[in-house]
């Protein structure tokens, strides 16, 4: 069991029960899954770009990503329905906690001019979305092998009913929110 997972069960759950006055331990919000999405707009003209994106996301997440395809044709973007336009990976359980631990303790501190992540990126239903501008902040990515700097979206899905509960959960997990 991951150290973050153990801390969640032993420290975070009791403190959340106390703070929000839950009647049952099952009411306590938990992190359900983490979805990492990397949009690759260049994949329309060059299919090799998608392969490197898949390799990078595999290294970051430790799991093979799924290729996402266009739902509609958009002439302005020279895009047809069904064309591959990105990759995404959904992490649950052990891998999810490993990734979150690595994100909080190693990756986010490597961001240039890092002053904490925004408190406003909650969606109203207790989910948090984090945009990363470059994949180079992850220790698994070799700087010399990167041909183009690409960003990604990291969505942390929780079972919390409100943003306040989700914010408290993520704060106790160790997410470095802005003061």
Protein backbone atom coordinates (compact mmCIF):
# COMPACT_ATOMS: atom_id res chain seq x y z
CA UNK A 1 0.00 0.00 0.00
CA UNK A 2 1.25 3.45 -0.95
CA UNK A 3 2.25 5.93 1.80
CA UNK A 4 -0.38 8.41 0.58
CA UNK A 5 -3.05 5.70 0.69
CA UNK A 6 -2.08 4.77 4.25
CA UNK A 7 -2.10 8.42 5.34
CA UNK A 8 -5.55 8.82 3.77
CA UNK A 9 -6.97 5.90 5.77
CA UNK A 10 -5.26 6.65 9.09
CA UNK A 11 -5.21 10.49 9.28
CA UNK A 12 -7.30 12.16 6.57
CA UNK A 13 -10.55 10.16 6.94
CA UNK A 14 -10.85 10.78 10.73
CA UNK A 15 -10.11 14.50 10.36
CA UNK A 16 -12.69 14.90 7.55
CA UNK A 17 -15.31 13.03 9.63
CA UNK A 18 -14.61 15.47 12.47
CA UNK A 19 -14.63 18.60 10.30
CA UNK A 20 -17.78 17.90 8.25
CA UNK A 21 -19.64 15.87 10.94
CA UNK A 22 -20.25 12.79 8.81
CA UNK A 23 -22.35 10.06 10.44
CA UNK A 24 -20.57 7.27 8.55
CA UNK A 25 -17.01 6.74 7.35
CA UNK A 26 -18.45 5.86 3.93
CA UNK A 27 -19.64 9.47 3.49
CA UNK A 28 -16.08 10.77 3.52
CA UNK A 29 -15.03 11.95 0.04
CA UNK A 30 -12.29 9.96 -1.64
CA UNK A 31 -10.30 10.28 -4.82
CA UNK A 32 -12.01 8.10 -7.40
CA UNK A 33 -9.71 8.43 -10.42
CA UNK A 34 -7.20 10.66 -12.18
CA UNK A 35 -7.55 11.26 -15.93
CA UNK A 36 -4.53 12.61 -17.83
CA UNK A 37 -5.34 13.97 -21.28
CA UNK A 38 -2.80 15.14 -23.85
CA UNK A 39 -4.24 16.82 -26.93
CA UNK A 40 -2.05 16.46 -30.00
CA UNK A 41 -3.29 18.89 -32.63
CA UNK A 42 -0.30 18.18 -34.92
CA UNK A 43 -1.46 14.56 -35.29
CA UNK A 44 -3.70 15.68 -38.18
CA UNK A 45 -0.70 16.32 -40.43
CA UNK A 46 1.95 14.07 -38.87
CA UNK A 47 1.00 10.69 -37.37
CA UNK A 48 4.45 10.10 -35.81
CA UNK A 49 3.73 12.89 -33.33
CA UNK A 50 0.99 10.75 -31.81
CA UNK A 51 3.42 7.87 -31.20
CA UNK A 52 5.78 10.09 -29.19
CA UNK A 53 2.83 11.45 -27.20
CA UNK A 54 1.76 7.88 -26.40
CA UNK A 55 5.32 7.00 -25.29
CA UNK A 56 5.58 10.09 -23.09
CA UNK A 57 2.19 9.52 -21.46
CA UNK A 58 3.06 5.85 -20.86
CA UNK A 59 6.27 6.92 -19.09
CA UNK A 60 4.46 9.54 -17.00
CA UNK A 61 1.46 7.43 -15.97
CA UNK A 62 2.98 3.95 -15.98
CA UNK A 63 0.05 2.70 -18.04
CA UNK A 64 -0.64 2.61 -21.78
CA UNK A 65 -2.92 5.46 -22.88
CA UNK A 66 -5.92 5.29 -25.21
CA UNK A 67 -5.91 7.27 -28.46
CA UNK A 68 -8.78 9.76 -28.58
CA UNK A 69 -10.48 10.47 -31.89
CA UNK A 70 -12.38 13.45 -33.29
CA UNK A 71 -16.15 13.30 -32.73
CA UNK A 72 -16.99 15.75 -35.52
CA UNK A 73 -15.42 16.99 -38.73
CA UNK A 74 -14.20 20.59 -38.57
CA UNK A 75 -13.09 22.02 -41.91
CA UNK A 76 -11.28 24.99 -40.35
CA UNK A 77 -8.91 22.63 -38.54
CA UNK A 78 -8.63 20.20 -41.51
CA UNK A 79 -10.15 17.60 -39.22
CA UNK A 80 -12.31 14.63 -40.16
CA UNK A 81 -14.50 12.55 -37.91
CA UNK A 82 -12.59 9.61 -36.42
CA UNK A 83 -9.10 11.08 -36.91
CA UNK A 84 -6.74 10.55 -33.94
CA UNK A 85 -6.25 13.86 -32.12
CA UNK A 86 -4.84 12.98 -28.71
CA UNK A 87 -4.23 10.45 -25.97
CA UNK A 88 -5.66 9.95 -22.50
CA UNK A 89 -5.11 7.60 -19.60
CA UNK A 90 -7.32 6.89 -16.58
CA UNK A 91 -5.59 5.92 -13.35
CA UNK A 92 -7.35 4.20 -10.45
CA UNK A 93 -6.30 2.48 -7.24
CA UNK A 94 -2.62 1.92 -6.52
CA UNK A 95 -1.32 3.61 -9.69
CA UNK A 96 -3.53 6.64 -9.02
CA UNK A 97 -2.06 7.12 -5.54
CA UNK A 98 1.49 6.58 -6.87
CA UNK A 99 0.94 9.23 -9.55
CA UNK A 100 -0.66 11.71 -7.12
CA UNK A 101 2.18 11.25 -4.63
CA UNK A 102 4.75 11.82 -7.39
CA UNK A 103 2.80 14.84 -8.70
CA UNK A 104 2.67 16.52 -5.29
CA UNK A 105 6.17 15.73 -3.99
CA UNK A 106 8.33 15.74 -7.15
CA UNK A 107 6.63 17.16 -10.23
CA UNK A 108 4.85 20.34 -9.09
CA UNK A 109 7.89 21.72 -7.23
CA UNK A 110 9.82 21.47 -10.54
CA UNK A 111 7.50 23.98 -12.24
CA UNK A 112 9.17 27.32 -12.91
CA UNK A 113 8.00 30.20 -10.65
CA UNK A 114 5.70 27.83 -8.76
CA UNK A 115 3.56 29.60 -6.16
CA UNK A 116 0.92 26.93 -5.67
CA UNK A 117 -2.00 25.75 -7.79
CA UNK A 118 -5.23 27.71 -8.27
CA UNK A 119 -8.09 27.22 -5.82
CA UNK A 120 -10.62 28.14 -8.52
CA UNK A 121 -10.21 25.11 -10.81
CA UNK A 122 -13.01 23.10 -9.17
CA UNK A 123 -16.04 22.34 -11.34
CA UNK A 124 -18.82 22.65 -8.78
CA UNK A 125 -19.16 18.89 -8.29
CA UNK A 126 -15.95 18.27 -6.38
CA UNK A 127 -13.59 17.55 -9.29
CA UNK A 128 -10.31 19.40 -9.79
CA UNK A 129 -8.67 20.15 -13.14
CA UNK A 130 -5.01 21.06 -13.43
CA UNK A 131 -3.38 22.22 -16.65
CA UNK A 132 0.32 21.51 -17.17
CA UNK A 133 2.07 23.61 -19.82
CA UNK A 134 4.98 21.26 -20.49
CA UNK A 135 5.67 17.56 -20.05
CA UNK A 136 9.31 18.26 -19.08
CA UNK A 137 8.41 18.79 -15.41
CA UNK A 138 7.92 15.03 -15.04
CA UNK A 139 11.14 13.23 -14.04
CA UNK A 140 10.44 10.31 -16.44
CA UNK A 141 10.70 12.52 -19.53
CA UNK A 142 14.22 12.77 -20.97
CA UNK A 143 14.89 16.39 -21.97
CA UNK A 144 17.03 15.40 -24.98
CA UNK A 145 14.41 13.11 -26.54
CA UNK A 146 11.59 15.70 -26.53
CA UNK A 147 10.91 17.04 -30.02
CA UNK A 148 8.08 19.41 -29.04
CA UNK A 149 6.93 20.77 -25.69
CA UNK A 150 3.37 19.65 -25.06
CA UNK A 151 0.93 20.37 -22.27
CA UNK A 152 -1.68 18.14 -20.68
CA UNK A 153 -4.76 18.24 -18.50
CA UNK A 154 -4.87 16.35 -15.23
CA UNK A 155 -8.36 15.84 -13.80
CA UNK A 156 -8.73 14.58 -10.24
CA UNK A 157 -12.21 13.09 -9.82
CA UNK A 158 -13.46 12.84 -6.23
CA UNK A 159 -16.66 11.52 -4.66
CA UNK A 160 -17.14 14.85 -2.83
CA UNK A 161 -20.52 16.55 -3.22
CA UNK A 162 -19.22 20.11 -2.90
CA UNK A 163 -16.08 21.96 -3.91
CA UNK A 164 -15.40 22.82 -0.26
CA UNK A 165 -15.21 19.12 0.68
CA UNK A 166 -13.00 18.33 -2.31
CA UNK A 167 -10.69 21.27 -1.54
CA UNK A 168 -10.30 20.11 2.06
CA UNK A 169 -9.60 16.53 0.91
CA UNK A 170 -6.94 17.62 -1.59
CA UNK A 171 -5.39 20.07 0.89
CA UNK A 172 -5.00 17.28 3.45
CA UNK A 173 -3.59 14.95 0.79
CA UNK A 174 -0.93 17.62 0.26
CA UNK A 175 -1.92 19.58 -2.86
CA UNK A 176 -0.04 22.91 -2.73
CA UNK A 177 -2.89 25.43 -3.20
CA UNK A 178 -2.17 29.16 -3.41
CA UNK A 179 -2.46 31.04 -0.14
